[in-house]
């Protein structure tokens, strides 16, 4: 059961790291900061929806 949660949690953690990189780009006014930040927020939303689907469809033991 635990292994079903592995991929969305890893995806969320990696996208959180990417989000922090995007925020650093925005603070330093480098190009592409808004694109990185926005795309990582979308990846986090996808990971959360994926995790919710896994929780809802888990077999009842």
C-alpha atoms as a PDB file:
ATOM      1  CA  UNK A   1       0.000   0.000   0.000  1.00  0.00           C
ATOM      2  CA  UNK A   2       2.800   2.425   0.873  1.00  0.00           C
ATOM      3  CA  UNK A   3       4.482   2.011  -2.497  1.00  0.00           C
ATOM      4  CA  UNK A   4       1.471   3.462  -4.312  1.00  0.00           C
ATOM      5  CA  UNK A   5       2.193   6.772  -2.592  1.00  0.00           C
ATOM      6  CA  UNK A   6       5.855   6.869  -3.610  1.00  0.00           C
ATOM      7  CA  UNK A   7       5.640   8.458  -7.060  1.00  0.00           C
ATOM      8  CA  UNK A   8       3.263  11.359  -6.372  1.00  0.00           C
ATOM      9  CA  UNK A   9       5.136  12.249  -3.169  1.00  0.00           C
ATOM     10  CA  UNK A  10       8.494  12.206  -4.970  1.00  0.00           C
ATOM     11  CA  UNK A  11       6.992  14.297  -7.777  1.00  0.00           C
ATOM     12  CA  UNK A  12       5.665  16.800  -5.240  1.00  0.00           C
ATOM     13  CA  UNK A  13       9.022  17.081  -3.443  1.00  0.00           C
ATOM     14  CA  UNK A  14      10.934  17.564  -6.697  1.00  0.00           C
ATOM     15  CA  UNK A  15       8.472  20.179  -7.892  1.00  0.00           C
ATOM     16  CA  UNK A  16       8.827  21.958  -4.548  1.00  0.00           C
ATOM     17  CA  UNK A  17      12.578  22.153  -5.146  1.00  0.00           C
ATOM     18  CA  UNK A  18      11.920  23.467  -8.656  1.00  0.00           C
ATOM     19  CA  UNK A  19       9.491  26.014  -7.221  1.00  0.00           C
ATOM     20  CA  UNK A  20      12.203  27.290  -4.883  1.00  0.00           C
ATOM     21  CA  UNK A  21      14.562  27.636  -7.843  1.00  0.00           C
ATOM     22  CA  UNK A  22      11.887  29.607  -9.693  1.00  0.00           C
ATOM     23  CA  UNK A  23      11.392  31.897  -6.700  1.00  0.00           C
ATOM     24  CA  UNK A  24      15.146  32.453  -6.532  1.00  0.00           C
ATOM     25  CA  UNK A  25      15.115  33.366 -10.241  1.00  0.00           C
ATOM     26  CA  UNK A  26      12.300  35.847  -9.612  1.00  0.00           C
ATOM     27  CA  UNK A  27      14.093  37.448  -6.665  1.00  0.00           C
ATOM     28  CA  UNK A  28      17.279  37.855  -8.691  1.00  0.00           C
ATOM     29  CA  UNK A  29      15.260  39.147 -11.689  1.00  0.00           C
ATOM     30  CA  UNK A  30      16.629  36.500 -14.021  1.00  0.00           C
ATOM     31  CA  UNK A  31      14.580  35.577 -17.073  1.00  0.00           C
ATOM     32  CA  UNK A  32      12.360  32.536 -16.812  1.00  0.00           C
ATOM     33  CA  UNK A  33      11.493  32.836 -13.139  1.00  0.00           C
ATOM     34  CA  UNK A  34       7.783  33.233 -13.739  1.00  0.00           C
ATOM     35  CA  UNK A  35       7.731  30.306 -16.164  1.00  0.00           C
ATOM     36  CA  UNK A  36       9.535  27.993 -13.727  1.00  0.00           C
ATOM     37  CA  UNK A  37       7.369  29.047 -10.793  1.00  0.00           C
ATOM     38  CA  UNK A  38       4.115  28.638 -12.699  1.00  0.00           C
ATOM     39  CA  UNK A  39       5.005  25.280 -14.179  1.00  0.00           C
ATOM     40  CA  UNK A  40       6.117  23.881 -10.816  1.00  0.00           C
ATOM     41  CA  UNK A  41       2.838  24.986  -9.213  1.00  0.00           C
ATOM     42  CA  UNK A  42       0.971  23.096 -11.940  1.00  0.00           C
ATOM     43  CA  UNK A  43       3.109  19.997 -11.357  1.00  0.00           C
ATOM     44  CA  UNK A  44       2.352  20.220  -7.610  1.00  0.00           C
ATOM     45  CA  UNK A  45      -1.371  20.382  -8.341  1.00  0.00           C
ATOM     46  CA  UNK A  46      -1.089  17.316 -10.589  1.00  0.00           C
ATOM     47  CA  UNK A  47       0.821  15.434  -7.868  1.00  0.00           C
ATOM     48  CA  UNK A  48      -1.812  16.324  -5.248  1.00  0.00           C
ATOM     49  CA  UNK A  49      -4.675  15.242  -7.529  1.00  0.00           C
ATOM     50  CA  UNK A  50      -2.820  12.000  -8.270  1.00  0.00           C
ATOM     51  CA  UNK A  51      -2.386  11.356  -4.544  1.00  0.00           C
ATOM     52  CA  UNK A  52      -6.072  12.055  -3.859  1.00  0.00           C
ATOM     53  CA  UNK A  53      -7.057   9.580  -6.576  1.00  0.00           C
ATOM     54  CA  UNK A  54      -4.794   6.930  -5.023  1.00  0.00           C
ATOM     55  CA  UNK A  55      -6.313   7.517  -1.585  1.00  0.00           C
ATOM     56  CA  UNK A  56      -9.901   7.399  -2.848  1.00  0.00           C
ATOM     57  CA  UNK A  57      -9.411   4.293  -4.989  1.00  0.00           C
ATOM     58  CA  UNK A  58      -7.405   2.339  -2.389  1.00  0.00           C
ATOM     59  CA  UNK A  59      -8.869  -1.087  -1.687  1.00  0.00           C
ATOM     60  CA  UNK A  60     -10.607  -1.360   1.647  1.00  0.00           C
ATOM     61  CA  UNK A  61      -8.932  -4.055   3.769  1.00  0.00           C
END
